[in-house]
Protein backbone atom coordinates (compact mmCIF):
# COMPACT_ATOMS: atom_id res chain seq x y z
CA MET A 1 21.64 -25.98 29.81
CA ASN A 2 23.70 -23.97 27.30
CA ILE A 3 24.74 -20.32 27.65
CA LYS A 4 22.25 -19.13 25.02
CA LYS A 5 19.37 -20.79 26.87
CA ILE A 6 20.44 -19.27 30.20
CA TYR A 7 20.68 -15.85 28.57
CA GLU A 8 17.25 -16.15 26.96
CA GLU A 9 15.64 -17.19 30.25
CA ALA A 10 17.35 -14.37 32.12
CA MET A 11 16.18 -11.80 29.56
CA GLU A 12 12.65 -13.19 29.73
CA TRP A 13 12.68 -12.74 33.51
CA ILE A 14 14.01 -9.16 33.27
CA PHE A 15 12.01 -8.12 30.20
CA PRO A 16 9.00 -10.47 30.05
CA SER A 17 7.57 -10.89 26.55
CA ASP A 18 4.07 -11.83 27.63
CA ILE A 19 2.79 -8.68 29.34
CA TYR A 20 1.78 -6.92 26.13
CA CYS A 21 -0.60 -8.21 23.47
CA ILE A 22 1.45 -9.36 20.45
CA CYS A 23 -1.32 -8.10 18.18
CA CYS A 24 -2.44 -4.68 19.43
CA GLY A 25 0.27 -3.93 22.01
CA SER A 26 -2.10 -3.34 24.92
CA LEU A 27 -1.09 -4.34 28.44
CA THR A 28 -2.36 -7.84 29.23
CA GLY A 29 -0.54 -8.94 32.36
CA ARG A 30 1.47 -12.12 32.56
CA GLY A 31 -0.12 -15.44 31.69
CA SER A 32 -2.49 -14.33 28.95
CA LEU A 33 -3.04 -17.13 26.43
CA TYR A 34 -0.58 -16.76 23.54
CA SER A 35 0.16 -13.22 24.83
CA LEU A 36 -3.04 -11.99 23.21
CA CYS A 37 -5.53 -9.67 24.89
CA ASP A 38 -9.13 -10.83 25.23
CA GLN A 39 -10.35 -8.66 22.35
CA CYS A 40 -7.67 -9.75 19.89
CA ARG A 41 -8.20 -13.38 20.82
CA LYS A 42 -11.87 -12.93 19.89
CA ASP A 43 -11.09 -11.06 16.68
CA ILE A 44 -8.60 -13.54 15.26
CA HIS A 45 -10.06 -15.91 12.68
CA TRP A 46 -9.16 -19.18 14.38
CA ILE A 47 -9.66 -22.29 12.28
CA THR A 48 -11.80 -24.57 14.39
CA GLY A 49 -14.61 -25.71 12.10
CA ARG A 50 -14.74 -27.39 8.70
CA THR A 51 -11.51 -27.43 6.73
CA CYS A 52 -10.31 -28.52 3.30
CA ALA A 53 -9.52 -32.24 3.40
CA VAL A 54 -6.15 -31.62 1.74
CA CYS A 55 -4.64 -28.24 2.63
CA GLY A 56 -6.52 -27.47 5.85
CA LYS A 57 -7.92 -24.06 4.89
CA ALA A 58 -11.13 -23.06 6.63
CA LEU A 59 -14.35 -23.80 4.71
CA GLU A 60 -17.50 -21.74 5.08
CA ASN A 61 -20.49 -23.43 6.70
CA GLN A 62 -22.51 -23.08 3.49
CA TYR A 63 -19.72 -24.47 1.32
CA ARG A 64 -20.58 -28.04 0.33
CA GLY A 65 -17.34 -29.43 -1.05
CA ARG A 66 -14.64 -31.37 0.82
CA LEU A 67 -11.88 -29.47 -0.97
CA CYS A 68 -11.29 -25.74 -1.18
CA TYR A 69 -11.38 -24.05 -4.60
CA ASN A 70 -7.59 -24.06 -4.80
CA CYS A 71 -7.23 -27.78 -4.09
CA MET A 72 -9.91 -28.59 -6.66
CA SER A 73 -7.82 -26.88 -9.32
CA ARG A 74 -4.36 -28.27 -8.47
CA GLU A 75 -2.68 -31.34 -7.04
CA HIS A 76 -0.34 -30.85 -4.11
CA ARG A 77 2.89 -32.72 -3.46
CA PHE A 78 2.23 -32.80 0.27
CA ARG A 79 -0.13 -35.34 1.81
CA ARG A 80 -2.06 -33.28 4.33
CA GLY A 81 -2.07 -29.72 5.57
CA ILE A 82 -3.38 -28.00 8.69
CA SER A 83 -3.47 -24.33 9.62
CA CYS A 84 -4.24 -22.32 12.72
CA MET A 85 -5.95 -19.17 11.48
CA THR A 86 -7.28 -17.52 8.34
CA TYR A 87 -5.09 -14.70 7.07
CA GLY A 88 -6.96 -11.44 7.73
CA LEU A 89 -6.01 -7.95 8.89
CA LYS A 90 -5.05 -8.84 12.46
CA GLU A 91 -3.25 -11.99 11.40
CA ARG A 92 -1.35 -10.05 8.75
CA GLN A 93 -0.37 -7.37 11.27
CA MET A 94 1.06 -9.94 13.67
CA ILE A 95 3.00 -11.88 11.07
CA LEU A 96 4.49 -8.77 9.45
CA ASP A 97 5.52 -7.53 12.90
CA PHE A 98 7.17 -10.85 13.60
CA LYS A 99 9.06 -11.02 10.31
CA TYR A 100 10.07 -7.43 9.63
CA ASN A 101 10.08 -5.53 12.94
CA LYS A 102 12.68 -7.61 14.76
CA LYS A 103 10.14 -9.27 17.04
CA GLY A 104 11.51 -12.77 16.86
CA TYR A 105 10.21 -13.50 20.38
CA MET A 106 6.72 -13.71 18.87
CA GLY A 107 7.79 -17.00 17.28
CA VAL A 108 7.58 -18.73 20.66
CA LYS A 109 3.94 -17.64 21.04
CA PHE A 110 3.19 -18.75 17.49
CA GLY A 111 4.88 -22.07 18.27
CA ASP A 112 2.46 -22.50 21.17
CA ILE A 113 -0.46 -21.88 18.81
CA LEU A 114 0.91 -24.38 16.28
CA ALA A 115 1.41 -27.03 18.95
CA ASP A 116 -2.13 -26.70 20.26
CA ARG A 117 -3.57 -26.87 16.74
CA LEU A 118 -1.44 -29.86 15.78
CA CYS A 119 -2.40 -31.81 18.90
CA ALA A 120 -6.10 -30.97 18.41
CA CYS A 121 -6.04 -32.19 14.79
CA ALA A 122 -4.06 -35.30 15.75
CA GLU A 123 -6.96 -36.46 17.92
CA GLN A 124 -8.78 -37.24 14.65
CA GLU A 125 -5.70 -37.80 12.46
CA PRO A 126 -2.98 -39.41 14.60
CA GLN A 127 -0.50 -39.57 11.70
CA LEU A 128 0.01 -35.83 12.04
CA LEU A 129 2.03 -36.47 15.19
CA GLU A 130 3.57 -39.70 13.91
CA VAL A 131 6.29 -37.93 11.96
CA ASP A 132 10.05 -38.38 12.14
CA MET A 133 11.07 -34.73 11.98
CA ILE A 134 9.91 -31.14 11.61
CA LEU A 135 11.50 -29.07 8.85
CA PRO A 136 11.03 -25.30 8.61
CA VAL A 137 10.75 -23.82 5.13
CA PRO A 138 14.16 -22.19 4.58
CA ILE A 139 14.77 -18.63 3.47
CA HIS A 140 17.50 -17.53 1.09
CA LYS A 141 20.85 -16.55 2.65
CA GLN A 142 20.46 -12.97 1.39
CA ARG A 143 17.09 -12.64 3.12
CA MET A 144 18.58 -14.21 6.23
CA ARG A 145 21.25 -11.50 6.30
CA GLU A 146 18.59 -8.81 5.94
CA ARG A 147 16.15 -10.19 8.50
CA GLY A 148 18.52 -11.86 10.92
CA PHE A 149 16.42 -14.98 11.43
CA ASN A 150 14.18 -17.47 9.67
CA GLN A 151 10.67 -17.01 11.05
CA SER A 152 9.68 -20.61 10.26
CA ALA A 153 12.72 -21.97 12.07
CA VAL A 154 11.88 -20.01 15.23
CA MET A 155 8.37 -21.46 15.27
CA ALA A 156 9.66 -24.95 14.43
CA ARG A 157 12.04 -24.96 17.39
CA ARG A 158 9.21 -24.18 19.78
CA LEU A 159 6.90 -26.74 18.16
CA GLY A 160 9.61 -29.38 18.44
CA GLN A 161 10.22 -28.46 22.08
CA LEU A 162 6.53 -28.90 22.93
CA THR A 163 5.90 -32.09 20.92
CA GLY A 164 9.23 -33.85 21.28
CA ILE A 165 9.57 -34.17 17.50
CA PRO A 166 13.14 -33.54 16.29
CA VAL A 167 13.70 -30.36 14.27
CA ASN A 168 16.26 -30.18 11.48
CA GLU A 169 17.13 -26.80 9.94
CA SER A 170 19.84 -28.09 7.60
CA VAL A 171 18.04 -30.58 5.37
CA LEU A 172 16.46 -28.08 2.99
CA ILE A 173 18.14 -25.05 1.44
CA ARG A 174 16.68 -22.31 -0.70
CA LYS A 175 18.71 -21.87 -3.89
CA LYS A 176 16.68 -19.09 -5.49
CA ASN A 177 16.00 -15.73 -3.87
CA THR A 178 12.53 -15.44 -5.34
CA LYS A 179 10.45 -12.28 -5.43
CA LEU A 180 7.55 -11.94 -3.00
CA LEU A 181 4.72 -14.16 -4.21
CA ARG A 182 1.75 -12.19 -2.93
CA SER A 183 1.47 -10.08 -6.09
CA MET A 184 1.65 -13.11 -8.43
CA ASP A 185 -1.11 -15.26 -9.89
CA PRO A 186 -1.02 -19.03 -9.15
CA VAL A 187 0.73 -19.95 -12.41
CA SER A 188 3.43 -17.34 -11.85
CA ARG A 189 3.91 -18.53 -8.27
CA ASP A 190 4.50 -22.09 -9.41
CA ALA A 191 6.96 -20.93 -12.05
CA ALA A 192 8.84 -18.76 -9.55
CA MET A 193 9.18 -21.61 -7.06
CA ARG A 194 10.26 -24.26 -9.57
CA GLY A 195 13.69 -25.49 -8.52
CA ALA A 196 13.86 -23.02 -5.63
CA PHE A 197 14.65 -25.67 -3.00
CA GLU A 198 16.89 -28.69 -2.73
CA VAL A 199 17.89 -31.27 -0.16
CA THR A 200 21.56 -30.96 0.70
CA SER A 201 23.55 -33.99 -0.43
CA GLY A 202 24.79 -34.70 3.08
CA HIS A 203 21.25 -35.00 4.41
CA LYS A 204 19.59 -37.17 1.76
CA LYS A 205 20.30 -40.27 3.80
CA ASP A 206 18.67 -38.63 6.83
CA ILE A 207 15.27 -38.28 5.17
CA LYS A 208 15.11 -41.48 3.15
CA GLY A 209 11.87 -43.26 4.05
CA MET A 210 11.02 -40.59 6.61
CA SER A 211 7.70 -38.93 7.34
CA ILE A 212 8.18 -35.17 7.54
CA LEU A 213 6.18 -32.26 8.91
CA LEU A 214 6.97 -29.11 6.93
CA LEU A 215 6.33 -25.77 8.66
CA ASP A 216 5.78 -22.32 7.18
CA ASP A 217 4.13 -19.09 8.32
CA ILE A 218 1.53 -18.59 5.55
CA MET A 219 -0.07 -20.72 2.84
CA THR A 220 -2.02 -19.18 -0.02
CA THR A 221 -1.91 -21.43 -3.09
CA GLY A 222 0.67 -23.80 -1.61
CA ALA A 223 3.32 -23.10 -4.27
CA THR A 224 6.16 -22.76 -1.75
CA LEU A 225 5.11 -25.81 0.24
CA ASP A 226 4.68 -27.88 -2.91
CA ALA A 227 8.17 -26.93 -4.07
CA CYS A 228 9.63 -27.98 -0.71
CA ALA A 229 7.59 -31.18 -0.53
CA GLY A 230 8.58 -32.07 -4.08
CA ALA A 231 12.29 -31.67 -3.28
CA LEU A 232 11.90 -33.85 -0.18
CA LEU A 233 9.92 -36.60 -1.92
CA ASP A 234 12.29 -36.64 -4.89
CA ALA A 235 15.17 -37.08 -2.42
CA GLY A 236 13.55 -40.13 -0.84
CA ALA A 237 11.17 -38.93 1.88
CA GLU A 238 8.18 -41.23 2.40
CA ALA A 239 5.55 -38.56 3.04
CA VAL A 240 5.28 -34.84 3.74
CA ASP A 241 2.56 -33.15 5.78
CA VAL A 242 2.45 -29.39 6.28
CA ILE A 243 1.46 -27.04 9.07
CA THR A 244 1.14 -23.27 8.76
CA LEU A 245 0.34 -20.52 11.18
CA ALA A 246 -2.11 -18.89 8.75
CA SER A 247 -3.70 -19.67 5.41
CA GLY A 248 -5.63 -17.71 2.84
CA SER A 249 -9.39 -17.80 2.67
CA ASN A 250 -11.30 -20.13 0.37
CA ARG A 251 -11.45 -17.97 -2.76
CA ARG A 252 -12.23 -18.97 -6.30
CA PRO A 253 -9.04 -19.34 -8.40
CA GLY A 254 -9.68 -16.13 -10.32
CA ASP A 255 -9.84 -14.17 -7.05
CA LEU A 256 -6.47 -15.34 -5.66
């Protein structure tokens, strides 16, 4: 066991991270599932029912199609996507806390959520677990300096620990420090992400013919994930599946 691991376990024993709800902050007591209180666990929009056959977004019961509106209007570079929850107010609050309020420890809890969702989906689609490696979506070095960590990498490490799938944080790099995508329309998002990622030359041999699980925190239109998947496939990867903690709701393209 390395020094960092010993330190992390000691700090967890002294200052346990699972006695307060990671969503509302209320006292939960140790052992609460995902460190969420009962009320927040009920309020979160878990994806457990029908989903888009491509990206994995939740579909409404009355919605008749197999694909969400977004996937009907665009082709993705990734093969299959799954997600854990629909991005609403509580989900947004948790993810923003995680990314911008120096609460990196929340990534372990999110990794637990991702692992449970992945294993549940793999009961029907075994190929989701039959991957060679997990790759977190990278952030630009400037954003890394500002934030101090890559939120996707933190979750990926925990997912890899629980599933036994190797995690590689060096294969993909982000060349462009793009603006935040949430204010852009789908066409602008695609344009902003074009050429944003590349596979480092030293790692191209590592992914040739490989099946990859790409991990990110949020998917809306899939522009970021498509850009990453495209870079991986162009560099020789066999297939790319994606998993996200949260995804947008099934809105018509004009409402995105």
